[in-house]
N, C-alpha and C. Protein backbone atom coordinates (compact mmCIF):
# COMPACT_ATOMS: atom_id res chain seq x y z
N UNK A 1 -49.48 14.84 -10.27
CA UNK A 1 -48.27 14.19 -9.89
C UNK A 1 -48.61 13.21 -8.67
N UNK A 2 -47.94 12.01 -8.55
CA UNK A 2 -48.27 11.21 -7.50
C UNK A 2 -47.11 11.39 -6.45
N UNK A 3 -47.38 11.18 -5.08
CA UNK A 3 -46.52 11.17 -4.14
C UNK A 3 -46.09 9.82 -4.10
N UNK A 4 -44.85 9.40 -3.63
CA UNK A 4 -44.46 8.06 -3.49
C UNK A 4 -43.30 7.99 -2.44
N UNK A 5 -43.13 6.87 -1.92
CA UNK A 5 -42.12 6.54 -0.98
C UNK A 5 -40.71 6.65 -1.44
N UNK A 6 -39.96 7.47 -0.86
CA UNK A 6 -38.55 7.48 -1.21
C UNK A 6 -37.73 6.83 -0.14
N UNK A 7 -36.74 6.01 -0.49
CA UNK A 7 -35.97 5.24 0.39
C UNK A 7 -34.70 5.98 0.67
N UNK A 8 -34.14 5.56 1.96
CA UNK A 8 -32.85 6.12 2.40
C UNK A 8 -32.00 4.91 2.74
N UNK A 9 -30.94 4.61 2.14
CA UNK A 9 -30.02 3.64 2.42
C UNK A 9 -29.18 4.16 3.77
N UNK A 10 -29.40 3.29 4.78
CA UNK A 10 -28.90 3.72 6.08
C UNK A 10 -27.90 2.64 6.63
N UNK A 11 -26.74 3.19 7.25
CA UNK A 11 -25.76 2.37 7.86
C UNK A 11 -25.07 1.41 6.83
N UNK A 12 -24.58 2.03 5.76
CA UNK A 12 -23.83 1.18 4.76
C UNK A 12 -22.43 1.22 5.09
N UNK A 13 -21.81 0.11 5.07
CA UNK A 13 -20.41 -0.03 5.52
C UNK A 13 -19.71 -1.33 5.22
N UNK A 14 -18.51 -1.25 4.81
CA UNK A 14 -17.61 -2.42 4.41
C UNK A 14 -16.45 -2.33 5.40
N UNK A 15 -16.20 -3.31 6.20
CA UNK A 15 -15.11 -3.31 7.09
C UNK A 15 -13.79 -3.50 6.42
N UNK A 16 -12.67 -2.81 6.86
CA UNK A 16 -11.44 -2.73 6.19
C UNK A 16 -10.38 -3.40 7.15
N UNK A 17 -9.40 -4.22 6.50
CA UNK A 17 -8.28 -4.73 7.16
C UNK A 17 -7.42 -3.53 7.69
N UNK A 18 -6.87 -3.72 8.95
CA UNK A 18 -6.12 -2.69 9.53
C UNK A 18 -4.63 -2.89 9.22
N UNK A 19 -4.20 -1.82 8.56
CA UNK A 19 -2.57 -2.05 8.33
C UNK A 19 -1.78 -2.28 9.66
N UNK A 20 -0.74 -3.09 9.49
CA UNK A 20 0.16 -3.40 10.73
C UNK A 20 0.45 -1.99 11.41
N UNK A 21 0.80 -0.98 10.60
CA UNK A 21 1.45 0.13 11.18
C UNK A 21 0.36 0.87 12.01
N UNK A 22 -0.88 0.57 11.99
CA UNK A 22 -2.01 1.19 12.75
C UNK A 22 -2.52 0.27 13.76
N UNK A 23 -2.15 -0.99 13.91
CA UNK A 23 -2.65 -2.00 14.77
C UNK A 23 -2.70 -1.68 16.24
N UNK A 24 -1.79 -0.72 16.72
CA UNK A 24 -1.77 -0.39 18.14
C UNK A 24 -3.00 0.39 18.54
N UNK A 25 -3.82 0.88 17.66
CA UNK A 25 -5.01 1.65 17.93
C UNK A 25 -6.20 0.71 18.13
N UNK A 26 -6.05 -0.55 17.81
CA UNK A 26 -7.16 -1.64 17.82
C UNK A 26 -6.87 -2.64 18.94
N UNK A 27 -7.92 -3.30 19.34
CA UNK A 27 -7.80 -4.49 20.23
C UNK A 27 -8.78 -5.46 19.55
N UNK A 28 -8.52 -6.77 19.99
CA UNK A 28 -9.50 -7.85 19.69
C UNK A 28 -9.18 -8.48 18.19
N UNK A 29 -10.15 -9.14 17.76
CA UNK A 29 -9.98 -9.86 16.52
C UNK A 29 -11.18 -9.54 15.58
N UNK A 30 -10.98 -9.49 14.35
CA UNK A 30 -12.09 -9.24 13.26
C UNK A 30 -13.21 -10.25 13.44
N UNK A 31 -14.30 -9.79 13.33
CA UNK A 31 -15.56 -10.69 13.46
C UNK A 31 -16.22 -11.01 12.16
N UNK A 32 -15.69 -10.36 10.96
CA UNK A 32 -16.18 -10.64 9.58
C UNK A 32 -15.03 -10.67 8.60
N UNK A 33 -15.23 -11.10 7.37
CA UNK A 33 -14.18 -11.01 6.42
C UNK A 33 -14.09 -9.62 6.03
N UNK A 34 -12.95 -9.12 5.96
CA UNK A 34 -12.65 -7.67 5.64
C UNK A 34 -12.03 -7.44 4.21
N UNK A 35 -12.19 -6.21 3.80
CA UNK A 35 -11.70 -5.92 2.40
C UNK A 35 -10.50 -5.00 2.59
N UNK A 36 -9.88 -4.43 1.56
CA UNK A 36 -8.80 -3.51 1.64
C UNK A 36 -9.49 -2.01 1.35
N UNK A 37 -8.72 -0.97 1.70
CA UNK A 37 -9.15 0.39 1.55
C UNK A 37 -9.40 0.71 0.15
N UNK A 38 -8.74 0.22 -0.74
CA UNK A 38 -8.93 0.57 -2.15
C UNK A 38 -10.40 0.08 -2.59
N UNK A 39 -10.63 -1.23 -2.23
CA UNK A 39 -11.89 -1.85 -2.54
C UNK A 39 -12.99 -1.20 -1.90
N UNK A 40 -12.95 -0.79 -0.56
CA UNK A 40 -13.92 -0.15 0.18
C UNK A 40 -14.17 1.21 -0.59
N UNK A 41 -13.17 1.99 -0.99
CA UNK A 41 -13.33 3.35 -1.60
C UNK A 41 -14.05 3.06 -2.86
N UNK A 42 -13.85 2.12 -3.66
CA UNK A 42 -14.54 1.96 -5.00
C UNK A 42 -15.93 1.58 -4.71
N UNK A 43 -16.18 0.78 -3.81
CA UNK A 43 -17.64 0.37 -3.30
C UNK A 43 -18.31 1.70 -3.00
N UNK A 44 -17.80 2.48 -2.16
CA UNK A 44 -18.49 3.66 -1.79
C UNK A 44 -18.69 4.54 -2.83
N UNK A 45 -17.61 4.76 -3.72
CA UNK A 45 -17.75 5.69 -4.85
C UNK A 45 -18.87 5.18 -5.82
N UNK A 46 -18.85 3.95 -6.10
CA UNK A 46 -19.90 3.29 -7.04
C UNK A 46 -21.35 3.64 -6.43
N UNK A 47 -21.37 3.35 -5.15
CA UNK A 47 -22.68 3.50 -4.47
C UNK A 47 -23.24 4.86 -4.57
N UNK A 48 -22.32 5.85 -4.21
CA UNK A 48 -22.80 7.19 -4.37
C UNK A 48 -23.26 7.63 -5.74
N UNK A 49 -22.36 7.16 -6.77
CA UNK A 49 -22.86 7.56 -8.13
C UNK A 49 -24.18 6.92 -8.57
N UNK A 50 -24.37 5.63 -8.20
CA UNK A 50 -25.59 5.05 -8.48
C UNK A 50 -26.78 5.66 -7.66
N UNK A 51 -26.55 5.96 -6.40
CA UNK A 51 -27.64 6.48 -5.63
C UNK A 51 -28.01 7.91 -6.15
N UNK A 52 -27.13 8.70 -6.69
CA UNK A 52 -27.41 9.98 -7.17
C UNK A 52 -28.24 9.93 -8.44
N UNK A 53 -28.27 8.84 -9.18
CA UNK A 53 -29.03 8.77 -10.31
C UNK A 53 -30.39 8.03 -10.03
N UNK A 54 -30.68 7.58 -8.78
CA UNK A 54 -31.90 6.98 -8.61
C UNK A 54 -32.96 7.75 -7.87
N UNK A 55 -33.92 8.26 -8.58
CA UNK A 55 -34.99 9.12 -8.07
C UNK A 55 -35.76 8.51 -6.82
N UNK A 56 -35.66 7.26 -6.63
CA UNK A 56 -36.36 6.54 -5.44
C UNK A 56 -35.54 6.68 -4.33
N UNK A 57 -34.25 7.17 -4.19
CA UNK A 57 -33.52 7.19 -3.02
C UNK A 57 -33.29 8.69 -2.63
N UNK A 58 -33.65 8.95 -1.30
CA UNK A 58 -33.41 10.36 -0.84
C UNK A 58 -32.06 10.58 -0.14
N UNK A 59 -31.18 9.49 0.02
CA UNK A 59 -29.94 9.73 0.77
C UNK A 59 -29.28 8.36 1.05
N UNK A 60 -28.05 8.43 1.46
CA UNK A 60 -27.24 7.36 1.87
C UNK A 60 -26.42 7.71 2.96
N UNK A 61 -26.44 6.93 4.04
CA UNK A 61 -25.67 7.20 5.25
C UNK A 61 -24.64 6.03 5.42
N UNK A 62 -23.48 6.41 5.53
CA UNK A 62 -22.30 5.60 5.92
C UNK A 62 -22.18 5.38 7.30
N UNK A 63 -21.98 3.97 7.75
CA UNK A 63 -21.88 3.74 9.07
C UNK A 63 -20.56 4.05 9.78
N UNK A 64 -20.53 4.90 10.59
CA UNK A 64 -19.17 5.14 11.29
C UNK A 64 -18.34 5.94 10.56
N UNK A 65 -18.03 7.29 11.03
CA UNK A 65 -17.12 8.11 10.37
C UNK A 65 -15.77 7.74 10.92
N UNK A 66 -15.63 7.41 12.21
CA UNK A 66 -14.35 6.89 12.71
C UNK A 66 -14.60 5.57 13.16
N UNK A 67 -13.45 4.80 12.97
CA UNK A 67 -13.47 3.19 13.34
C UNK A 67 -13.68 3.20 14.84
N UNK A 68 -14.20 2.08 15.27
CA UNK A 68 -14.12 1.83 16.64
C UNK A 68 -12.87 0.94 17.01
N UNK A 69 -12.31 1.17 18.19
CA UNK A 69 -11.03 0.43 18.47
C UNK A 69 -10.99 -0.92 18.65
N UNK A 70 -12.36 -1.53 18.98
CA UNK A 70 -12.44 -2.96 19.11
C UNK A 70 -12.82 -3.75 17.81
N UNK A 71 -11.73 -4.43 17.31
CA UNK A 71 -11.93 -5.08 16.03
C UNK A 71 -13.10 -6.00 15.89
N UNK A 72 -13.74 -6.42 17.04
CA UNK A 72 -14.89 -7.21 17.09
C UNK A 72 -16.14 -6.48 16.81
N UNK A 73 -16.00 -5.06 16.68
CA UNK A 73 -17.06 -4.10 16.31
C UNK A 73 -16.90 -3.57 14.80
N UNK A 74 -16.85 -2.45 14.62
CA UNK A 74 -16.90 -1.92 13.29
C UNK A 74 -15.64 -1.10 12.81
N UNK A 75 -15.02 -1.44 11.77
CA UNK A 75 -13.98 -0.68 11.08
C UNK A 75 -14.24 -0.35 9.69
N UNK A 76 -15.37 0.33 9.61
CA UNK A 76 -15.92 0.74 8.28
C UNK A 76 -15.77 2.31 8.10
N UNK A 77 -15.15 2.91 9.05
CA UNK A 77 -15.05 4.42 8.98
C UNK A 77 -14.15 4.97 7.97
N UNK A 78 -14.33 6.29 7.89
CA UNK A 78 -13.36 6.94 6.93
C UNK A 78 -12.05 7.24 7.66
N UNK A 79 -11.98 7.29 8.84
CA UNK A 79 -10.85 7.56 9.69
C UNK A 79 -10.68 6.51 10.71
N UNK A 80 -9.37 6.16 10.93
CA UNK A 80 -9.06 5.14 11.80
C UNK A 80 -9.31 5.50 13.25
N UNK A 81 -9.28 4.48 14.09
CA UNK A 81 -9.63 4.65 15.64
C UNK A 81 -8.59 5.63 16.33
N UNK A 82 -7.37 5.79 15.79
CA UNK A 82 -6.41 6.72 16.37
C UNK A 82 -6.55 7.95 15.77
N UNK A 83 -7.53 8.30 14.92
CA UNK A 83 -7.85 9.51 14.23
C UNK A 83 -6.94 9.76 12.95
N UNK A 84 -6.17 8.72 12.53
CA UNK A 84 -5.41 8.83 11.44
C UNK A 84 -6.23 8.65 10.04
N UNK A 85 -6.01 9.37 9.08
CA UNK A 85 -6.75 9.14 7.86
C UNK A 85 -6.19 7.87 7.19
N UNK A 86 -7.01 7.29 6.24
CA UNK A 86 -6.31 6.06 5.58
C UNK A 86 -5.11 6.53 4.74
N UNK A 87 -4.26 5.54 4.59
CA UNK A 87 -3.06 5.92 3.86
C UNK A 87 -3.24 5.73 2.37
N UNK A 88 -2.74 6.78 1.62
CA UNK A 88 -2.81 6.67 0.18
C UNK A 88 -1.68 6.15 -0.47
């Protein structure tokens, strides 16, 4: 058997638009084009399923579990800056 290099996808993230109801937890302005929560969830789900089937990948790391409060930074977390979960 041959040893080979396995890859790890690191800091994967898609920034999400902040709903008006949660805008008070954020400051500043977005610095990239954002997506909606449903699209982000689908992208993440598809990525995990594909990565699980790829023997060359050892893991996937999502960037930021909690959003940063500054919109010019990163809103790709699973939890909003005020610790609220995404609305369903």
